[in-house]
N, C-alpha and C. Protein backbone atom coordinates (compact mmCIF):
# COMPACT_ATOMS: atom_id res chain seq x y z
N MET A 1 63.13 -31.87 53.48
CA MET A 1 63.16 -31.00 52.36
C MET A 1 61.76 -30.89 51.78
N LYS A 2 61.46 -29.71 51.57
CA LYS A 2 60.12 -29.38 51.10
C LYS A 2 60.17 -29.15 49.60
N LEU A 3 59.29 -29.92 48.91
CA LEU A 3 59.22 -29.76 47.45
C LEU A 3 58.06 -28.82 47.11
N THR A 4 58.35 -27.89 46.33
CA THR A 4 57.29 -26.96 45.89
C THR A 4 57.10 -27.10 44.39
N ARG A 5 55.92 -27.00 44.04
CA ARG A 5 55.58 -27.10 42.63
C ARG A 5 55.40 -25.72 42.06
N GLN A 6 55.98 -25.52 40.95
CA GLN A 6 55.80 -24.22 40.31
C GLN A 6 54.55 -24.27 39.43
N ARG A 7 53.79 -23.26 39.56
CA ARG A 7 52.56 -23.22 38.75
C ARG A 7 52.89 -22.66 37.37
N GLN A 8 52.39 -23.35 36.38
CA GLN A 8 52.60 -22.87 35.02
C GLN A 8 51.40 -22.03 34.61
N LYS A 9 51.69 -20.99 33.87
CA LYS A 9 50.61 -20.16 33.36
C LYS A 9 49.92 -20.92 32.23
N ALA A 10 48.61 -20.85 32.25
CA ALA A 10 47.85 -21.48 31.17
C ALA A 10 48.06 -20.67 29.89
N PRO A 11 48.29 -21.33 28.80
CA PRO A 11 48.50 -20.57 27.55
C PRO A 11 47.21 -19.84 27.16
N SER A 12 47.38 -18.67 26.64
CA SER A 12 46.20 -17.90 26.21
C SER A 12 45.65 -18.51 24.93
N PRO A 13 44.32 -18.53 24.82
CA PRO A 13 43.72 -19.14 23.61
C PRO A 13 44.05 -18.31 22.37
N GLN A 14 44.32 -19.01 21.30
CA GLN A 14 44.63 -18.35 20.04
C GLN A 14 43.74 -18.92 18.96
N LEU A 15 43.46 -18.09 18.00
CA LEU A 15 42.62 -18.51 16.89
C LEU A 15 43.52 -18.84 15.72
N ASN A 16 43.38 -20.05 15.24
CA ASN A 16 44.19 -20.49 14.11
C ASN A 16 43.52 -20.00 12.83
N MET A 17 44.11 -19.05 12.16
CA MET A 17 43.51 -18.41 10.99
C MET A 17 43.76 -19.17 9.69
N THR A 18 44.70 -20.04 9.64
CA THR A 18 45.07 -20.71 8.39
C THR A 18 43.91 -21.51 7.79
N PRO A 19 43.19 -22.35 8.54
CA PRO A 19 42.08 -23.08 7.91
C PRO A 19 40.95 -22.16 7.44
N MET A 20 40.72 -21.08 8.18
CA MET A 20 39.66 -20.17 7.77
C MET A 20 40.03 -19.45 6.46
N ILE A 21 41.27 -19.04 6.33
CA ILE A 21 41.70 -18.38 5.09
C ILE A 21 41.63 -19.36 3.92
N ASP A 22 41.99 -20.61 4.16
CA ASP A 22 41.89 -21.63 3.10
C ASP A 22 40.45 -21.78 2.63
N CYS A 23 39.51 -21.84 3.56
CA CYS A 23 38.09 -21.98 3.18
C CYS A 23 37.61 -20.76 2.40
N VAL A 24 37.99 -19.58 2.82
CA VAL A 24 37.55 -18.36 2.14
C VAL A 24 38.09 -18.32 0.72
N PHE A 25 39.35 -18.70 0.53
CA PHE A 25 39.91 -18.70 -0.82
C PHE A 25 39.25 -19.76 -1.70
N GLN A 26 38.93 -20.91 -1.14
CA GLN A 26 38.25 -21.94 -1.92
C GLN A 26 36.86 -21.48 -2.34
N LEU A 27 36.14 -20.81 -1.44
CA LEU A 27 34.83 -20.27 -1.80
C LEU A 27 34.95 -19.19 -2.87
N LEU A 28 35.96 -18.34 -2.75
CA LEU A 28 36.18 -17.29 -3.73
C LEU A 28 36.45 -17.88 -5.11
N ILE A 29 37.30 -18.88 -5.18
CA ILE A 29 37.61 -19.53 -6.46
C ILE A 29 36.38 -20.22 -7.01
N PHE A 30 35.59 -20.86 -6.14
CA PHE A 30 34.38 -21.54 -6.61
C PHE A 30 33.40 -20.55 -7.23
N PHE A 31 33.15 -19.43 -6.56
CA PHE A 31 32.19 -18.46 -7.09
C PHE A 31 32.71 -17.77 -8.34
N LEU A 32 34.01 -17.55 -8.44
CA LEU A 32 34.56 -16.95 -9.65
C LEU A 32 34.46 -17.91 -10.84
N CYS A 33 34.62 -19.19 -10.58
CA CYS A 33 34.55 -20.17 -11.68
C CYS A 33 33.12 -20.46 -12.12
N THR A 34 32.17 -20.40 -11.22
CA THR A 34 30.80 -20.77 -11.57
C THR A 34 29.93 -19.60 -11.98
N SER A 35 30.36 -18.39 -11.75
CA SER A 35 29.53 -17.25 -12.11
C SER A 35 29.76 -16.88 -13.57
N SER A 36 28.74 -16.32 -14.15
CA SER A 36 28.85 -15.84 -15.54
C SER A 36 28.48 -14.37 -15.55
N PHE A 37 29.29 -13.60 -16.22
CA PHE A 37 29.07 -12.17 -16.28
C PHE A 37 28.55 -11.82 -17.65
N MET A 38 27.35 -11.23 -17.70
CA MET A 38 26.76 -10.83 -18.97
C MET A 38 26.43 -9.35 -18.89
N THR A 39 26.55 -8.70 -19.99
CA THR A 39 26.13 -7.30 -20.05
C THR A 39 24.88 -7.23 -20.91
N GLU A 40 23.94 -6.44 -20.46
CA GLU A 40 22.71 -6.24 -21.22
C GLU A 40 23.00 -5.27 -22.35
N ASN A 41 22.77 -5.72 -23.57
CA ASN A 41 23.01 -4.85 -24.71
C ASN A 41 21.86 -3.89 -24.96
N HIS A 42 20.66 -4.35 -24.66
CA HIS A 42 19.50 -3.50 -24.89
C HIS A 42 18.39 -3.88 -23.91
N LEU A 43 17.57 -2.93 -23.60
CA LEU A 43 16.41 -3.15 -22.76
C LEU A 43 15.16 -2.94 -23.59
N VAL A 44 14.24 -3.86 -23.50
CA VAL A 44 13.00 -3.75 -24.25
C VAL A 44 12.03 -2.87 -23.46
N THR A 45 11.66 -1.76 -24.04
CA THR A 45 10.72 -0.86 -23.37
C THR A 45 9.66 -0.43 -24.37
N GLN A 46 8.53 -0.08 -23.85
CA GLN A 46 7.45 0.47 -24.66
C GLN A 46 7.00 1.76 -23.99
N LEU A 47 7.33 2.85 -24.59
CA LEU A 47 6.93 4.14 -24.05
C LEU A 47 5.60 4.56 -24.66
N PRO A 48 4.78 5.26 -23.92
CA PRO A 48 3.51 5.71 -24.48
C PRO A 48 3.74 6.76 -25.56
N ALA A 49 2.87 6.75 -26.54
CA ALA A 49 2.97 7.74 -27.63
C ALA A 49 2.47 9.08 -27.14
N ALA A 50 3.18 10.12 -27.49
CA ALA A 50 2.78 11.46 -27.10
C ALA A 50 1.71 11.97 -28.06
N SER A 51 0.76 12.67 -27.52
CA SER A 51 -0.28 13.25 -28.37
C SER A 51 -0.47 14.71 -27.97
N LYS A 52 -0.89 15.50 -28.92
CA LYS A 52 -1.11 16.92 -28.66
C LYS A 52 -2.55 17.21 -28.27
N GLU A 53 -3.38 16.19 -28.30
CA GLU A 53 -4.78 16.38 -27.96
C GLU A 53 -4.94 16.45 -26.44
N LYS A 54 -5.91 17.23 -26.00
CA LYS A 54 -6.23 17.29 -24.59
C LYS A 54 -7.06 16.06 -24.24
N PRO A 55 -7.00 15.65 -23.00
CA PRO A 55 -7.88 14.55 -22.62
C PRO A 55 -9.33 14.95 -22.81
N ALA A 56 -10.13 13.99 -23.24
CA ALA A 56 -11.53 14.28 -23.55
C ALA A 56 -12.31 14.73 -22.32
N GLN A 57 -11.98 14.15 -21.16
CA GLN A 57 -12.74 14.48 -19.97
C GLN A 57 -11.78 14.70 -18.81
N GLU A 58 -12.06 15.71 -18.05
CA GLU A 58 -11.27 15.98 -16.86
C GLU A 58 -11.69 15.00 -15.77
N PRO A 59 -10.76 14.55 -14.95
CA PRO A 59 -11.14 13.64 -13.88
C PRO A 59 -12.02 14.35 -12.86
N LEU A 60 -13.00 13.62 -12.38
CA LEU A 60 -13.92 14.18 -11.38
C LEU A 60 -13.27 14.13 -10.00
N PRO A 61 -13.61 15.08 -9.14
CA PRO A 61 -13.11 14.98 -7.76
C PRO A 61 -13.74 13.77 -7.09
N PRO A 62 -13.05 13.19 -6.12
CA PRO A 62 -13.60 11.99 -5.48
C PRO A 62 -14.84 12.31 -4.65
N VAL A 63 -15.69 11.32 -4.55
CA VAL A 63 -16.87 11.42 -3.69
C VAL A 63 -16.39 11.22 -2.26
N ARG A 64 -16.80 12.11 -1.35
CA ARG A 64 -16.39 12.00 0.05
C ARG A 64 -17.58 11.58 0.90
N ILE A 65 -17.42 10.43 1.52
CA ILE A 65 -18.43 9.96 2.48
C ILE A 65 -17.81 10.12 3.86
N VAL A 66 -18.46 10.92 4.71
CA VAL A 66 -17.94 11.17 6.05
C VAL A 66 -18.88 10.49 7.05
N VAL A 67 -18.29 9.63 7.87
CA VAL A 67 -19.04 8.93 8.92
C VAL A 67 -18.50 9.46 10.24
N SER A 68 -19.35 10.18 10.98
CA SER A 68 -18.89 10.79 12.23
C SER A 68 -19.87 10.52 13.36
N ARG A 69 -19.34 10.61 14.55
CA ARG A 69 -20.16 10.37 15.73
C ARG A 69 -20.78 11.69 16.17
N VAL A 70 -22.10 11.66 16.39
CA VAL A 70 -22.83 12.83 16.87
C VAL A 70 -23.61 12.39 18.10
N GLY A 71 -23.14 12.83 19.24
CA GLY A 71 -23.79 12.41 20.50
C GLY A 71 -23.67 10.91 20.67
N GLU A 72 -24.80 10.24 20.77
CA GLU A 72 -24.82 8.79 20.90
C GLU A 72 -24.99 8.10 19.55
N GLY A 73 -25.31 8.87 18.51
CA GLY A 73 -25.55 8.28 17.20
C GLY A 73 -24.42 8.52 16.24
N VAL A 74 -24.67 8.11 14.99
CA VAL A 74 -23.69 8.26 13.92
C VAL A 74 -24.35 8.99 12.77
N MET A 75 -23.63 9.93 12.20
CA MET A 75 -24.16 10.71 11.08
C MET A 75 -23.31 10.44 9.84
N MET A 76 -23.98 10.25 8.69
CA MET A 76 -23.27 10.03 7.43
C MET A 76 -23.59 11.19 6.49
N THR A 77 -22.56 11.67 5.79
CA THR A 77 -22.77 12.67 4.76
C THR A 77 -22.06 12.20 3.49
N CYS A 78 -22.68 12.52 2.37
CA CYS A 78 -22.10 12.21 1.06
C CYS A 78 -21.97 13.53 0.33
N ASP A 79 -20.74 13.99 0.11
CA ASP A 79 -20.48 15.29 -0.50
C ASP A 79 -21.24 16.40 0.21
N ASP A 80 -21.12 16.41 1.53
CA ASP A 80 -21.72 17.42 2.42
C ASP A 80 -23.24 17.41 2.43
N GLN A 81 -23.87 16.34 1.99
CA GLN A 81 -25.32 16.18 2.07
C GLN A 81 -25.60 15.02 3.02
N ALA A 82 -26.45 15.27 4.00
CA ALA A 82 -26.73 14.26 5.02
C ALA A 82 -27.47 13.07 4.43
N CYS A 83 -27.13 11.88 4.90
CA CYS A 83 -27.81 10.64 4.51
C CYS A 83 -28.30 9.97 5.78
N ALA A 84 -29.59 9.72 5.86
CA ALA A 84 -30.15 9.13 7.07
C ALA A 84 -29.92 7.63 7.13
N THR A 85 -29.98 6.96 5.98
CA THR A 85 -29.83 5.50 5.95
C THR A 85 -28.83 5.12 4.87
N PHE A 86 -28.47 3.85 4.89
CA PHE A 86 -27.56 3.35 3.86
C PHE A 86 -28.24 3.31 2.49
N ASP A 87 -29.57 3.10 2.46
CA ASP A 87 -30.29 3.13 1.18
C ASP A 87 -30.24 4.52 0.57
N GLY A 88 -30.36 5.55 1.40
CA GLY A 88 -30.23 6.92 0.90
C GLY A 88 -28.83 7.18 0.37
N LEU A 89 -27.83 6.61 1.02
CA LEU A 89 -26.45 6.74 0.55
C LEU A 89 -26.26 6.06 -0.79
N VAL A 90 -26.88 4.91 -0.97
CA VAL A 90 -26.79 4.19 -2.25
C VAL A 90 -27.41 5.03 -3.36
N GLU A 91 -28.55 5.65 -3.07
CA GLU A 91 -29.21 6.47 -4.09
C GLU A 91 -28.35 7.68 -4.48
N LYS A 92 -27.73 8.32 -3.50
CA LYS A 92 -26.87 9.47 -3.82
C LYS A 92 -25.64 9.03 -4.62
N LEU A 93 -25.09 7.87 -4.28
CA LEU A 93 -23.93 7.38 -5.02
C LEU A 93 -24.32 6.99 -6.45
N LYS A 94 -25.49 6.41 -6.63
CA LYS A 94 -25.94 6.07 -7.98
C LYS A 94 -26.18 7.32 -8.81
N ALA A 95 -26.72 8.38 -8.17
CA ALA A 95 -26.93 9.64 -8.90
C ALA A 95 -25.60 10.24 -9.30
N ARG A 96 -24.62 10.19 -8.42
CA ARG A 96 -23.29 10.72 -8.75
C ARG A 96 -22.63 9.88 -9.85
N ARG A 97 -22.86 8.57 -9.82
CA ARG A 97 -22.32 7.69 -10.85
C ARG A 97 -22.97 7.98 -12.20
N ALA A 98 -24.25 8.36 -12.20
CA ALA A 98 -24.96 8.63 -13.46
C ALA A 98 -24.41 9.87 -14.16
N ILE A 99 -23.94 10.86 -13.40
CA ILE A 99 -23.42 12.07 -14.05
C ILE A 99 -21.94 11.95 -14.39
N ALA A 100 -21.31 10.88 -13.92
CA ALA A 100 -19.89 10.67 -14.23
C ALA A 100 -19.77 10.22 -15.69
N PRO A 101 -18.69 10.60 -16.36
CA PRO A 101 -18.50 10.15 -17.74
C PRO A 101 -18.26 8.65 -17.80
N ALA A 102 -18.54 8.08 -18.94
CA ALA A 102 -18.36 6.64 -19.12
C ALA A 102 -16.88 6.31 -18.98
N PRO A 103 -16.56 5.23 -18.29
CA PRO A 103 -15.15 4.90 -18.10
C PRO A 103 -14.52 4.39 -19.40
N ALA A 104 -13.26 4.70 -19.57
CA ALA A 104 -12.52 4.18 -20.73
C ALA A 104 -12.16 2.72 -20.46
N ASP A 105 -11.77 2.02 -21.48
CA ASP A 105 -11.44 0.60 -21.33
C ASP A 105 -10.26 0.38 -20.39
N ARG A 106 -9.24 1.24 -20.50
CA ARG A 106 -8.04 1.03 -19.71
C ARG A 106 -8.17 1.58 -18.30
N ASP A 107 -9.14 2.44 -18.08
CA ASP A 107 -9.30 3.08 -16.78
C ASP A 107 -10.72 2.80 -16.31
N LYS A 108 -10.94 1.65 -15.66
CA LYS A 108 -12.29 1.18 -15.39
C LYS A 108 -13.11 2.15 -14.54
N ASP A 109 -12.58 2.57 -13.42
CA ASP A 109 -13.33 3.46 -12.53
C ASP A 109 -12.75 4.86 -12.59
N ARG A 110 -13.50 5.78 -13.13
CA ARG A 110 -13.05 7.17 -13.12
C ARG A 110 -13.56 7.89 -11.89
N LEU A 111 -14.57 7.36 -11.27
CA LEU A 111 -15.14 7.99 -10.08
C LEU A 111 -14.59 7.28 -8.84
N HIS A 112 -13.86 8.02 -8.03
CA HIS A 112 -13.25 7.46 -6.84
C HIS A 112 -14.03 7.90 -5.60
N VAL A 113 -14.01 7.07 -4.59
CA VAL A 113 -14.73 7.34 -3.35
C VAL A 113 -13.74 7.29 -2.19
N ILE A 114 -13.85 8.27 -1.29
CA ILE A 114 -13.05 8.27 -0.06
C ILE A 114 -14.02 8.23 1.11
N ILE A 115 -13.89 7.20 1.93
CA ILE A 115 -14.73 7.06 3.12
C ILE A 115 -13.89 7.54 4.31
N GLU A 116 -14.32 8.63 4.92
CA GLU A 116 -13.61 9.19 6.06
C GLU A 116 -14.35 8.81 7.33
N GLY A 117 -13.63 8.23 8.26
CA GLY A 117 -14.25 7.82 9.51
C GLY A 117 -13.63 8.51 10.69
N GLN A 118 -14.47 8.97 11.58
CA GLN A 118 -14.02 9.61 12.81
C GLN A 118 -13.68 8.52 13.83
N ALA A 119 -12.74 8.82 14.72
CA ALA A 119 -12.39 7.85 15.75
C ALA A 119 -13.60 7.57 16.63
N GLY A 120 -13.81 6.32 16.95
CA GLY A 120 -14.91 5.94 17.81
C GLY A 120 -16.17 5.52 17.06
N VAL A 121 -16.17 5.62 15.74
CA VAL A 121 -17.33 5.18 14.96
C VAL A 121 -17.28 3.66 14.85
N PRO A 122 -18.37 2.96 15.14
CA PRO A 122 -18.35 1.50 15.01
C PRO A 122 -18.01 1.08 13.58
N PHE A 123 -17.27 0.00 13.47
CA PHE A 123 -16.82 -0.48 12.17
C PHE A 123 -17.98 -0.88 11.28
N ALA A 124 -19.10 -1.24 11.85
CA ALA A 124 -20.26 -1.65 11.05
C ALA A 124 -20.72 -0.52 10.13
N TYR A 125 -20.58 0.72 10.57
CA TYR A 125 -20.97 1.85 9.72
C TYR A 125 -19.99 2.04 8.57
N MET A 126 -18.71 1.83 8.84
CA MET A 126 -17.72 1.93 7.76
C MET A 126 -17.93 0.82 6.74
N ALA A 127 -18.20 -0.38 7.22
CA ALA A 127 -18.47 -1.50 6.32
C ALA A 127 -19.76 -1.28 5.56
N GLY A 128 -20.76 -0.68 6.20
CA GLY A 128 -22.01 -0.36 5.51
C GLY A 128 -21.81 0.66 4.40
N ALA A 129 -20.94 1.65 4.64
CA ALA A 129 -20.64 2.64 3.60
C ALA A 129 -19.92 1.98 2.44
N LEU A 130 -19.01 1.05 2.73
CA LEU A 130 -18.32 0.31 1.67
C LEU A 130 -19.30 -0.54 0.88
N ASP A 131 -20.23 -1.18 1.57
CA ASP A 131 -21.24 -1.99 0.90
C ASP A 131 -22.14 -1.12 0.02
N ALA A 132 -22.45 0.09 0.47
CA ALA A 132 -23.26 1.02 -0.34
C ALA A 132 -22.51 1.39 -1.62
N CYS A 133 -21.20 1.56 -1.53
CA CYS A 133 -20.40 1.86 -2.73
C CYS A 133 -20.46 0.70 -3.72
N HIS A 134 -20.38 -0.52 -3.22
CA HIS A 134 -20.43 -1.68 -4.10
C HIS A 134 -21.82 -1.83 -4.73
N GLN A 135 -22.87 -1.49 -3.98
CA GLN A 135 -24.22 -1.56 -4.55
C GLN A 135 -24.41 -0.52 -5.65
N ALA A 136 -23.68 0.58 -5.59
CA ALA A 136 -23.77 1.64 -6.60
C ALA A 136 -22.74 1.42 -7.72
N ASP A 137 -22.09 0.25 -7.74
CA ASP A 137 -21.08 -0.10 -8.76
C ASP A 137 -19.88 0.83 -8.72
N LEU A 138 -19.47 1.22 -7.55
CA LEU A 138 -18.25 2.01 -7.36
C LEU A 138 -17.24 1.12 -6.62
N TYR A 139 -16.13 0.83 -7.28
CA TYR A 139 -15.18 -0.11 -6.70
C TYR A 139 -13.82 0.51 -6.39
N SER A 140 -13.64 1.76 -6.74
CA SER A 140 -12.38 2.44 -6.41
C SER A 140 -12.61 3.22 -5.12
N VAL A 141 -12.45 2.52 -3.99
CA VAL A 141 -12.79 3.07 -2.68
C VAL A 141 -11.55 3.09 -1.80
N ALA A 142 -11.36 4.18 -1.06
CA ALA A 142 -10.25 4.29 -0.12
C ALA A 142 -10.80 4.73 1.23
N PHE A 143 -10.13 4.30 2.29
CA PHE A 143 -10.49 4.70 3.65
C PHE A 143 -9.49 5.73 4.13
N SER A 144 -9.99 6.70 4.91
CA SER A 144 -9.12 7.75 5.44
C SER A 144 -9.65 8.18 6.79
N PRO A 145 -8.76 8.50 7.72
CA PRO A 145 -9.24 9.09 8.97
C PRO A 145 -9.82 10.47 8.66
N LYS A 146 -10.79 10.89 9.42
CA LYS A 146 -11.46 12.16 9.15
C LYS A 146 -10.47 13.30 9.20
N GLY A 147 -10.50 14.13 8.17
CA GLY A 147 -9.65 15.31 8.11
C GLY A 147 -8.41 15.11 7.26
N ILE A 148 -8.06 13.88 6.88
CA ILE A 148 -6.89 13.61 6.05
C ILE A 148 -7.32 13.61 4.59
N GLY A 149 -6.49 14.12 3.73
CA GLY A 149 -6.78 14.09 2.29
C GLY A 149 -7.68 15.21 1.83
N GLN A 150 -7.70 16.29 2.56
CA GLN A 150 -8.56 17.43 2.16
C GLN A 150 -7.98 18.15 1.00
């Protein structure tokens, strides 16, 4: 007589949800008991006072320094005037700073500078233009790729 064994199917895995639901409810009760709900009755704000006077001085357009590659060299212009050296750039920036109105206490730099650089210009020229701005006491400086911000 031949004995055969019947194969039993393995039970499919099941996820017991009861402990997970217990943990979620305990966390919910904990956060509800420990949280405090407050409503803000007022917000402290200070709005600027409106005045009918016109501003004393109109803002000046920004100074544009363009650093571009010309052949094998680099050319710098300050407000469409060519500058051969960084010292010449400093002098032009100082002259532009001299005609700018005196800055107000709350608005330190009224004269802004945008340094536009063409692709392929060595970074030393961009840093030199930034250094020239600092030598002319201009600290509100932004960099832009050439042609952006026109």
